[in-house]
C-alpha atoms as a PDB file:
ATOM      1  CA  MET A   1      71.197 172.747 170.097  1.00  0.00           C
ATOM      2  CA  ARG A   2      71.536 172.002 166.402  1.00  0.00           C
ATOM      3  CA  SER A   3      72.608 174.185 163.525  1.00  0.00           C
ATOM      4  CA  MET A   4      70.696 173.988 160.249  1.00  0.00           C
ATOM      5  CA  THR A   5      73.964 173.831 158.299  1.00  0.00           C
ATOM      6  CA  GLY A   6      75.450 170.433 157.572  1.00  0.00           C
ATOM      7  CA  TYR A   7      76.481 167.731 155.126  1.00  0.00           C
ATOM      8  CA  GLY A   8      75.873 164.004 155.112  1.00  0.00           C
ATOM      9  CA  LYS A   9      76.641 161.172 152.716  1.00  0.00           C
ATOM     10  CA  CYS A  10      76.068 157.426 152.706  1.00  0.00           C
ATOM     11  CA  GLN A  11      76.844 154.829 150.039  1.00  0.00           C
ATOM     12  CA  LEU A  12      75.493 151.288 150.268  1.00  0.00           C
ATOM     13  CA  GLN A  13      75.702 148.248 147.986  1.00  0.00           C
ATOM     14  CA  ARG A  14      73.622 145.090 148.073  1.00  0.00           C
ATOM     15  CA  GLY A  15      73.492 142.547 145.294  1.00  0.00           C
ATOM     16  CA  PRO A  16      73.725 144.222 141.873  1.00  0.00           C
ATOM     17  CA  TRP A  17      72.549 147.617 143.199  1.00  0.00           C
ATOM     18  CA  GLU A  18      74.484 150.536 144.650  1.00  0.00           C
ATOM     19  CA  VAL A  19      72.780 153.599 146.146  1.00  0.00           C
ATOM     20  CA  THR A  20      74.485 156.877 147.131  1.00  0.00           C
ATOM     21  CA  ALA A  21      72.579 159.482 149.154  1.00  0.00           C
ATOM     22  CA  GLU A  22      74.129 162.930 149.648  1.00  0.00           C
ATOM     23  CA  LEU A  23      72.553 165.774 151.652  1.00  0.00           C
ATOM     24  CA  ARG A  24      73.557 169.432 151.889  1.00  0.00           C
ATOM     25  CA  ALA A  25      71.620 171.647 154.323  1.00  0.00           C
ATOM     26  CA  VAL A  26      71.571 175.387 154.989  1.00  0.00           C
ATOM     27  CA  ASN A  27      69.297 177.622 157.032  1.00  0.00           C
ATOM     28  CA  HIS A  28      65.670 178.190 156.060  1.00  0.00           C
ATOM     29  CA  ARG A  29      62.575 179.272 157.937  1.00  0.00           C
ATOM     30  CA  TYR A  30      60.863 175.938 157.297  1.00  0.00           C
ATOM     31  CA  LEU A  31      61.859 172.533 155.939  1.00  0.00           C
ATOM     32  CA  ASP A  32      62.459 173.007 152.219  1.00  0.00           C
ATOM     33  CA  VAL A  33      63.586 169.944 150.252  1.00  0.00           C
ATOM     34  CA  ALA A  34      65.122 170.233 146.779  1.00  0.00           C
ATOM     35  CA  LEU A  35      64.939 166.777 145.191  1.00  0.00           C
ATOM     36  CA  ARG A  36      65.133 166.033 141.481  1.00  0.00           C
ATOM     37  CA  LEU A  37      64.989 162.438 140.340  1.00  0.00           C
ATOM     38  CA  PRO A  38      64.985 160.928 136.837  1.00  0.00           C
ATOM     39  CA  ARG A  39      61.682 159.410 135.800  1.00  0.00           C
ATOM     40  CA  SER A  40      63.058 155.907 136.297  1.00  0.00           C
ATOM     41  CA  LEU A  41      63.584 156.669 140.024  1.00  0.00           C
ATOM     42  CA  SER A  42      60.380 158.632 140.671  1.00  0.00           C
ATOM     43  CA  PHE A  43      59.046 155.759 142.794  1.00  0.00           C
ATOM     44  CA  LEU A  44      61.657 156.708 145.450  1.00  0.00           C
ATOM     45  CA  GLU A  45      60.525 160.316 145.966  1.00  0.00           C
ATOM     46  CA  ASP A  46      57.789 159.758 148.548  1.00  0.00           C
ATOM     47  CA  GLY A  47      60.015 157.652 150.805  1.00  0.00           C
ATOM     48  CA  VAL A  48      62.894 160.124 150.570  1.00  0.00           C
ATOM     49  CA  ARG A  49      60.701 163.082 151.523  1.00  0.00           C
ATOM     50  CA  LYS A  50      59.193 161.214 154.469  1.00  0.00           C
ATOM     51  CA  ALA A  51      62.668 160.328 155.756  1.00  0.00           C
ATOM     52  CA  LEU A  52      63.762 163.983 155.555  1.00  0.00           C
ATOM     53  CA  ALA A  53      60.811 165.157 157.673  1.00  0.00           C
ATOM     54  CA  ALA A  54      62.914 164.326 160.753  1.00  0.00           C
ATOM     55  CA  LEU A  55      65.212 167.272 159.946  1.00  0.00           C
ATOM     56  CA  VAL A  56      62.433 169.733 160.974  1.00  0.00           C
ATOM     57  CA  ARG A  57      63.959 172.895 159.443  1.00  0.00           C
ATOM     58  CA  GLY A  58      66.414 173.961 156.775  1.00  0.00           C
ATOM     59  CA  HIS A  59      66.838 173.982 153.021  1.00  0.00           C
ATOM     60  CA  VAL A  60      68.102 170.528 152.029  1.00  0.00           C
ATOM     61  CA  ASP A  61      69.540 169.635 148.627  1.00  0.00           C
ATOM     62  CA  VAL A  62      69.254 165.898 147.988  1.00  0.00           C
ATOM     63  CA  TYR A  63      71.504 164.078 145.525  1.00  0.00           C
ATOM     64  CA  LEU A  64      70.521 160.447 144.951  1.00  0.00           C
ATOM     65  CA  THR A  65      72.202 158.046 142.522  1.00  0.00           C
ATOM     66  CA  VAL A  66      71.312 154.432 141.833  1.00  0.00           C
ATOM     67  CA  ARG A  67      73.458 152.228 139.632  1.00  0.00           C
ATOM     68  CA  GLN A  68      74.072 148.607 138.835  1.00  0.00           C
ATOM     69  CA  THR A  69      77.474 147.216 139.745  1.00  0.00           C
ATOM     70  CA  GLU A  70      79.766 145.386 137.326  1.00  0.00           C
ATOM     71  CA  GLY A  71      78.319 142.056 138.360  1.00  0.00           C
ATOM     72  CA  ALA A  72      74.844 143.082 137.244  1.00  0.00           C
ATOM     73  CA  THR A  73      73.092 140.963 134.619  1.00  0.00           C
ATOM     74  CA  ARG A  74      73.086 142.439 131.144  1.00  0.00           C
ATOM     75  CA  GLN A  75      71.470 141.070 127.988  1.00  0.00           C
ATOM     76  CA  VAL A  76      72.819 141.516 124.456  1.00  0.00           C
ATOM     77  CA  ASP A  77      70.191 141.419 121.710  1.00  0.00           C
ATOM     78  CA  VAL A  78      71.140 140.982 118.042  1.00  0.00           C
ATOM     79  CA  ASP A  79      69.268 142.085 114.927  1.00  0.00           C
ATOM     80  CA  PRO A  80      70.234 139.372 112.400  1.00  0.00           C
ATOM     81  CA  ALA A  81      68.307 140.972 109.553  1.00  0.00           C
ATOM     82  CA  LEU A  82      70.122 144.255 109.978  1.00  0.00           C
ATOM     83  CA  ALA A  83      73.490 142.463 110.255  1.00  0.00           C
ATOM     84  CA  ALA A  84      72.758 140.564 107.004  1.00  0.00           C
ATOM     85  CA  ALA A  85      71.875 143.846 105.318  1.00  0.00           C
ATOM     86  CA  TYR A  86      75.232 145.311 106.388  1.00  0.00           C
ATOM     87  CA  VAL A  87      77.057 142.221 105.013  1.00  0.00           C
ATOM     88  CA  GLN A  88      75.189 142.437 101.722  1.00  0.00           C
ATOM     89  CA  ALA A  89      75.907 146.163 101.463  1.00  0.00           C
ATOM     90  CA  ALA A  90      79.631 145.553 102.121  1.00  0.00           C
ATOM     91  CA  ALA A  91      79.782 142.840  99.450  1.00  0.00           C
ATOM     92  CA  GLN A  92      77.984 145.103  96.985  1.00  0.00           C
ATOM     93  CA  ILE A  93      80.420 147.950  97.600  1.00  0.00           C
ATOM     94  CA  ALA A  94      83.422 145.611  97.244  1.00  0.00           C
ATOM     95  CA  GLY A  95      82.075 144.217  93.954  1.00  0.00           C
ATOM     96  CA  ALA A  96      81.328 147.619  92.531  1.00  0.00           C
ATOM     97  CA  THR A  97      84.614 149.254  93.468  1.00  0.00           C
ATOM     98  CA  GLY A  98      87.075 146.409  93.633  1.00  0.00           C
ATOM     99  CA  ALA A  99      87.892 147.305  97.226  1.00  0.00           C
ATOM    100  CA  VAL A 100      88.794 144.544  99.686  1.00  0.00           C
ATOM    101  CA  ASN A 101      85.833 143.461 101.781  1.00  0.00           C
ATOM    102  CA  ASP A 102      87.409 143.495 105.257  1.00  0.00           C
ATOM    103  CA  LEU A 103      84.140 143.397 107.190  1.00  0.00           C
ATOM    104  CA  THR A 104      84.620 141.233 110.269  1.00  0.00           C
ATOM    105  CA  VAL A 105      82.158 140.085 112.897  1.00  0.00           C
ATOM    106  CA  THR A 106      83.735 142.461 115.427  1.00  0.00           C
ATOM    107  CA  ARG A 107      83.236 145.420 113.138  1.00  0.00           C
ATOM    108  CA  LEU A 108      79.762 144.252 112.265  1.00  0.00           C
ATOM    109  CA  MET A 109      78.775 144.127 115.956  1.00  0.00           C
ATOM    110  CA  ALA A 110      79.940 147.712 116.396  1.00  0.00           C
ATOM    111  CA  MET A 111      77.628 148.989 113.676  1.00  0.00           C
ATOM    112  CA  GLU A 112      74.615 150.948 114.819  1.00  0.00           C
ATOM    113  CA  GLY A 113      71.578 148.841 115.631  1.00  0.00           C
ATOM    114  CA  VAL A 114      73.188 145.414 115.141  1.00  0.00           C
ATOM    115  CA  THR A 115      73.520 144.804 118.895  1.00  0.00           C
ATOM    116  CA  THR A 116      71.645 146.304 121.820  1.00  0.00           C
ATOM    117  CA  VAL A 117      72.753 145.971 125.458  1.00  0.00           C
ATOM    118  CA  THR A 118      69.863 145.904 127.905  1.00  0.00           C
ATOM    119  CA  GLU A 119      70.361 146.325 131.639  1.00  0.00           C
ATOM    120  CA  ALA A 120      68.563 143.976 133.975  1.00  0.00           C
ATOM    121  CA  ALA A 121      65.130 145.197 135.004  1.00  0.00           C
ATOM    122  CA  MET A 122      65.243 147.342 138.162  1.00  0.00           C
ATOM    123  CA  ASP A 123      64.075 145.580 141.282  1.00  0.00           C
ATOM    124  CA  GLU A 124      62.106 148.521 142.688  1.00  0.00           C
ATOM    125  CA  GLU A 125      61.452 146.872 146.040  1.00  0.00           C
ATOM    126  CA  ALA A 126      65.135 146.092 146.637  1.00  0.00           C
ATOM    127  CA  VAL A 127      66.251 149.535 145.446  1.00  0.00           C
ATOM    128  CA  ALA A 128      63.649 151.291 147.636  1.00  0.00           C
ATOM    129  CA  ALA A 129      64.799 149.336 150.721  1.00  0.00           C
ATOM    130  CA  LEU A 130      68.459 150.096 150.009  1.00  0.00           C
ATOM    131  CA  THR A 131      67.633 153.772 149.395  1.00  0.00           C
ATOM    132  CA  ALA A 132      65.822 153.976 152.733  1.00  0.00           C
ATOM    133  CA  GLU A 133      68.931 152.665 154.521  1.00  0.00           C
ATOM    134  CA  ALA A 134      71.227 155.021 152.612  1.00  0.00           C
ATOM    135  CA  MET A 135      68.985 157.974 153.452  1.00  0.00           C
ATOM    136  CA  GLN A 136      69.059 157.106 157.153  1.00  0.00           C
ATOM    137  CA  GLY A 137      72.846 156.898 157.017  1.00  0.00           C
ATOM    138  CA  ALA A 138      73.121 160.264 155.259  1.00  0.00           C
ATOM    139  CA  ILE A 139      70.645 161.860 157.677  1.00  0.00           C
ATOM    140  CA  SER A 140      72.620 160.494 160.639  1.00  0.00           C
ATOM    141  CA  ALA A 141      75.867 161.933 159.230  1.00  0.00           C
ATOM    142  CA  LEU A 142      74.134 165.256 158.574  1.00  0.00           C
ATOM    143  CA  ASP A 143      72.720 165.320 162.104  1.00  0.00           C
ATOM    144  CA  ASP A 144      76.171 164.659 163.605  1.00  0.00           C
ATOM    145  CA  MET A 145      77.556 167.649 161.732  1.00  0.00           C
ATOM    146  CA  ARG A 146      74.577 169.766 162.762  1.00  0.00           C
ATOM    147  CA  LEU A 147      75.256 168.907 166.388  1.00  0.00           C
ATOM    148  CA  ARG A 148      78.925 169.904 166.073  1.00  0.00           C
ATOM    149  CA  GLU A 149      77.967 173.147 164.354  1.00  0.00           C
ATOM    150  CA  GLY A 150      75.316 173.634 167.021  1.00  0.00           C
ATOM    151  CA  GLU A 151      77.924 173.557 169.782  1.00  0.00           C
ATOM    152  CA  ASN A 152      79.834 176.372 168.099  1.00  0.00           C
ATOM    153  CA  LEU A 153      76.576 178.247 167.621  1.00  0.00           C
ATOM    154  CA  ARG A 154      75.663 177.761 171.272  1.00  0.00           C
ATOM    155  CA  ALA A 155      79.019 179.133 172.460  1.00  0.00           C
ATOM    156  CA  ASP A 156      78.660 182.232 170.280  1.00  0.00           C
ATOM    157  CA  LEU A 157      75.074 182.851 171.427  1.00  0.00           C
ATOM    158  CA  ALA A 158      76.086 182.461 175.076  1.00  0.00           C
ATOM    159  CA  ALA A 159      78.816 185.077 174.627  1.00  0.00           C
ATOM    160  CA  HIS A 160      76.378 187.578 173.124  1.00  0.00           C
ATOM    161  CA  LEU A 161      73.840 186.885 175.879  1.00  0.00           C
ATOM    162  CA  ASP A 162      76.543 187.568 178.486  1.00  0.00           C
ATOM    163  CA  ALA A 163      77.267 190.870 176.760  1.00  0.00           C
ATOM    164  CA  ALA A 164      73.555 191.763 176.683  1.00  0.00           C
ATOM    165  CA  ALA A 165      73.177 190.909 180.370  1.00  0.00           C
ATOM    166  CA  ALA A 166      76.203 193.076 181.250  1.00  0.00           C
ATOM    167  CA  LEU A 167      74.734 196.025 179.338  1.00  0.00           C
ATOM    168  CA  ARG A 168      71.441 195.558 181.189  1.00  0.00           C
ATOM    169  CA  GLU A 169      73.335 195.776 184.496  1.00  0.00           C
ATOM    170  CA  ARG A 170      75.021 198.982 183.351  1.00  0.00           C
ATOM    171  CA  ILE A 171      71.646 200.488 182.486  1.00  0.00           C
ATOM    172  CA  ILE A 172      70.371 199.538 185.953  1.00  0.00           C
ATOM    173  CA  GLY A 173      73.335 201.383 187.431  1.00  0.00           C
ATOM    174  CA  TYR A 174      72.671 204.540 185.406  1.00  0.00           C
ATOM    175  CA  ALA A 175      68.869 204.563 185.822  1.00  0.00           C
ATOM    176  CA  PRO A 176      68.629 206.122 189.352  1.00  0.00           C
ATOM    177  CA  SER A 177      70.655 209.159 188.302  1.00  0.00           C
ATOM    178  CA  VAL A 178      68.250 210.055 185.473  1.00  0.00           C
ATOM    179  CA  VAL A 179      65.612 211.596 187.768  1.00  0.00           C
ATOM    180  CA  SER A 180      68.101 213.324 190.074  1.00  0.00           C
ATOM    181  CA  GLU A 181      69.907 214.833 187.085  1.00  0.00           C
ATOM    182  CA  TYR A 182      66.608 216.026 185.680  1.00  0.00           C
ATOM    183  CA  ARG A 183      65.794 217.695 189.034  1.00  0.00           C
ATOM    184  CA  VAL A 184      69.157 219.499 189.073  1.00  0.00           C
ATOM    185  CA  LYS A 185      68.815 220.649 185.455  1.00  0.00           C
ATOM    186  CA  LEU A 186      65.274 221.875 186.067  1.00  0.00           C
ATOM    187  CA  GLN A 187      66.342 223.837 189.130  1.00  0.00           C
ATOM    188  CA  GLU A 188      69.261 225.370 187.238  1.00  0.00           C
ATOM    189  CA  ARG A 189      66.977 226.388 184.380  1.00  0.00           C
ATOM    190  CA  LEU A 190      64.491 228.006 186.768  1.00  0.00           C
ATOM    191  CA  ALA A 191      67.307 229.813 188.523  1.00  0.00           C
ATOM    192  CA  LYS A 192      68.556 231.281 185.252  1.00  0.00           C
ATOM    193  CA  LEU A 193      65.059 232.432 184.433  1.00  0.00           C
ATOM    194  CA  GLN A 194      64.762 233.807 187.977  1.00  0.00           C
ATOM    195  CA  VAL A 195      61.471 231.999 188.443  1.00  0.00           C
ATOM    196  CA  ASP A 196      60.254 231.019 191.877  1.00  0.00           C
ATOM    197  CA  ILE A 197      58.347 227.773 192.005  1.00  0.00           C
ATOM    198  CA  ASP A 198      56.560 226.070 194.807  1.00  0.00           C
ATOM    199  CA  PRO A 199      58.661 223.107 196.095  1.00  0.00           C
ATOM    200  CA  ALA A 200      55.552 220.925 195.987  1.00  0.00           C
ATOM    201  CA  ARG A 201      55.007 221.828 192.333  1.00  0.00           C
ATOM    202  CA  LEU A 202      58.653 221.051 191.603  1.00  0.00           C
ATOM    203  CA  ALA A 203      58.352 217.712 193.352  1.00  0.00           C
ATOM    204  CA  GLN A 204      55.231 216.938 191.348  1.00  0.00           C
ATOM    205  CA  GLU A 205      56.994 217.767 188.072  1.00  0.00           C
ATOM    206  CA  VAL A 206      59.953 215.580 189.006  1.00  0.00           C
ATOM    207  CA  ALA A 207      57.582 212.760 189.983  1.00  0.00           C
ATOM    208  CA  LEU A 208      55.891 212.941 186.587  1.00  0.00           C
ATOM    209  CA  ILE A 209      59.237 212.707 184.837  1.00  0.00           C
ATOM    210  CA  ALA A 210      60.271 209.837 187.111  1.00  0.00           C
ATOM    211  CA  ASP A 211      57.131 207.949 186.134  1.00  0.00           C
ATOM    212  CA  LYS A 212      57.687 208.674 182.453  1.00  0.00           C
ATOM    213  CA  CYS A 213      61.326 207.558 182.595  1.00  0.00           C
ATOM    214  CA  ALA A 214      60.695 204.444 184.693  1.00  0.00           C
ATOM    215  CA  ILE A 215      62.222 201.420 182.934  1.00  0.00           C
ATOM    216  CA  ASP A 216      61.988 198.858 185.734  1.00  0.00           C
ATOM    217  CA  GLU A 217      59.418 196.775 183.871  1.00  0.00           C
ATOM    218  CA  GLU A 218      61.424 196.794 180.645  1.00  0.00           C
ATOM    219  CA  LEU A 219      64.592 195.776 182.469  1.00  0.00           C
ATOM    220  CA  SER A 220      62.703 193.004 184.270  1.00  0.00           C
ATOM    221  CA  ARG A 221      61.291 191.620 181.035  1.00  0.00           C
ATOM    222  CA  LEU A 222      64.694 191.910 179.386  1.00  0.00           C
ATOM    223  CA  ASP A 223      66.177 189.819 182.185  1.00  0.00           C
ATOM    224  CA  SER A 224      63.395 187.245 181.751  1.00  0.00           C
ATOM    225  CA  HIS A 225      64.060 186.979 178.011  1.00  0.00           C
ATOM    226  CA  ILE A 226      67.795 186.528 178.551  1.00  0.00           C
ATOM    227  CA  ARG A 227      67.191 183.790 181.134  1.00  0.00           C
ATOM    228  CA  GLN A 228      64.760 181.990 178.842  1.00  0.00           C
ATOM    229  CA  LEU A 229      67.211 182.146 175.949  1.00  0.00           C
ATOM    230  CA  ARG A 230      69.893 180.599 178.145  1.00  0.00           C
ATOM    231  CA  ARG A 231      67.540 177.711 178.923  1.00  0.00           C
ATOM    232  CA  TYR A 232      66.869 177.159 175.231  1.00  0.00           C
ATOM    233  CA  LEU A 233      70.607 176.901 174.579  1.00  0.00           C
ATOM    234  CA  ASP A 234      70.657 173.627 176.502  1.00  0.00           C
ATOM    235  CA  MET A 235      67.444 172.192 175.047  1.00  0.00           C
ATOM    236  CA  SER A 236      67.153 169.729 172.188  1.00  0.00           C
ATOM    237  CA  GLY A 237      64.474 169.777 169.544  1.00  0.00           C
ATOM    238  CA  GLU A 238      63.081 172.748 167.663  1.00  0.00           C
ATOM    239  CA  THR A 239      64.016 175.910 169.570  1.00  0.00           C
ATOM    240  CA  GLY A 240      65.051 178.292 166.792  1.00  0.00           C
ATOM    241  CA  LYS A 241      61.597 179.805 166.204  1.00  0.00           C
ATOM    242  CA  LYS A 242      61.034 180.322 169.937  1.00  0.00           C
ATOM    243  CA  MET A 243      64.418 181.975 170.321  1.00  0.00           C
ATOM    244  CA  ASP A 244      63.742 184.191 167.333  1.00  0.00           C
ATOM    245  CA  PHE A 245      60.524 185.384 168.985  1.00  0.00           C
ATOM    246  CA  LEU A 246      62.385 186.204 172.213  1.00  0.00           C
ATOM    247  CA  ILE A 247      64.966 188.175 170.239  1.00  0.00           C
ATOM    248  CA  GLN A 248      62.167 190.295 168.779  1.00  0.00           C
ATOM    249  CA  GLU A 249      60.880 190.936 172.310  1.00  0.00           C
ATOM    250  CA  MET A 250      64.371 191.891 173.513  1.00  0.00           C
ATOM    251  CA  ASN A 251      64.646 194.387 170.693  1.00  0.00           C
ATOM    252  CA  ARG A 252      61.250 195.815 171.638  1.00  0.00           C
ATOM    253  CA  GLU A 253      62.359 196.323 175.263  1.00  0.00           C
ATOM    254  CA  ALA A 254      65.617 197.962 174.136  1.00  0.00           C
ATOM    255  CA  ASN A 255      63.701 200.381 171.907  1.00  0.00           C
ATOM    256  CA  THR A 256      61.339 201.271 174.749  1.00  0.00           C
ATOM    257  CA  ILE A 257      64.222 201.912 177.146  1.00  0.00           C
ATOM    258  CA  GLY A 258      65.875 204.148 174.566  1.00  0.00           C
ATOM    259  CA  SER A 259      62.711 206.156 173.976  1.00  0.00           C
ATOM    260  CA  LYS A 260      62.041 206.654 177.705  1.00  0.00           C
ATOM    261  CA  CYS A 261      65.518 207.726 178.748  1.00  0.00           C
ATOM    262  CA  SER A 262      67.345 210.656 177.222  1.00  0.00           C
ATOM    263  CA  ASP A 263      70.419 210.069 179.390  1.00  0.00           C
ATOM    264  CA  ALA A 264      73.544 209.893 177.207  1.00  0.00           C
ATOM    265  CA  ALA A 265      75.101 206.971 179.078  1.00  0.00           C
ATOM    266  CA  ILE A 266      71.920 204.910 178.898  1.00  0.00           C
ATOM    267  CA  ALA A 267      71.483 205.834 175.239  1.00  0.00           C
ATOM    268  CA  GLN A 268      74.965 204.472 174.474  1.00  0.00           C
ATOM    269  CA  CYS A 269      74.182 201.281 176.383  1.00  0.00           C
ATOM    270  CA  VAL A 270      70.971 200.883 174.364  1.00  0.00           C
ATOM    271  CA  VAL A 271      72.915 201.259 171.104  1.00  0.00           C
ATOM    272  CA  ASP A 272      75.389 198.591 172.224  1.00  0.00           C
ATOM    273  CA  LEU A 273      72.544 196.391 173.467  1.00  0.00           C
ATOM    274  CA  LYS A 274      70.756 196.562 170.123  1.00  0.00           C
ATOM    275  CA  SER A 275      74.006 195.644 168.402  1.00  0.00           C
ATOM    276  CA  GLU A 276      74.294 192.509 170.564  1.00  0.00           C
ATOM    277  CA  ILE A 277      70.641 191.675 169.923  1.00  0.00           C
ATOM    278  CA  GLU A 278      71.215 191.937 166.171  1.00  0.00           C
ATOM    279  CA  LYS A 279      74.185 189.563 166.425  1.00  0.00           C
ATOM    280  CA  LEU A 280      71.994 187.148 168.373  1.00  0.00           C
ATOM    281  CA  ARG A 281      69.274 187.400 165.742  1.00  0.00           C
ATOM    282  CA  GLU A 282      71.709 186.658 162.911  1.00  0.00           C
ATOM    283  CA  GLN A 283      73.040 183.575 164.668  1.00  0.00           C
ATOM    284  CA  ILE A 284      69.631 182.278 165.751  1.00  0.00           C
ATOM    285  CA  GLN A 285      68.541 182.294 162.091  1.00  0.00           C
ATOM    286  CA  ASN A 286      70.720 179.180 161.741  1.00  0.00           C
ATOM    287  CA  ALA A 287      69.334 177.281 164.755  1.00  0.00           C
ATOM    288  CA  VAL A 288      66.939 174.394 164.233  1.00  0.00           C
END
């Protein structure tokens, strides 16, 4: 079992290029990728999104940086005409004001537009290959964290399933007394009203109530859902949606049991059962 929450990072360098891929994932119904790249790196987007498809589910924020290392080739271009214009302007100012012309080559190079530093052209093929490797490294780190989080998630889900199963057993124990208690209450009510009733008619009335209050099928299906959820806990792959469906079915069975039985003890068990089901639902929202 995997959680949808995780973090992964990978930084790789080859030649003059360094790529850093960083992934942050949280729960989401489907796979939702948030990726924003500068226009100069837009050629990487398709490959990044295809690599992330392996994550199946979750909202994933992608941070991707590409830079040239210190050893990268840079070119310095000079505008001689503009430099000459600066020199002429400095000489003119010195002649007109009597100020010392202290213009040096170093200062001249620092003036706007005299020199332009141009980075080496990006090797898109090399950068794309390095990005693909960095993405796989980040995805692997993210998946490792998802697995660790998944183990904690599995343990918590198993505990809530144990609690739900125990409540189901308690309901099974209370169920037989519902009809007998109804019979006793009905007889007591008739006695107070001093009404004589045919035993056969009484038995028929009790049988109707017994049929109406029967929850054997609901308890059987509830047991089936719990068993299936336990099997999913030990499965790999995408199980979150299937488990979420089973949780909805468990809640349906709990509601039906509560509506059929007016017994106070069973009603309390149903309340506790629905509480455990809600805790299961909240946790399953984070399962892949």
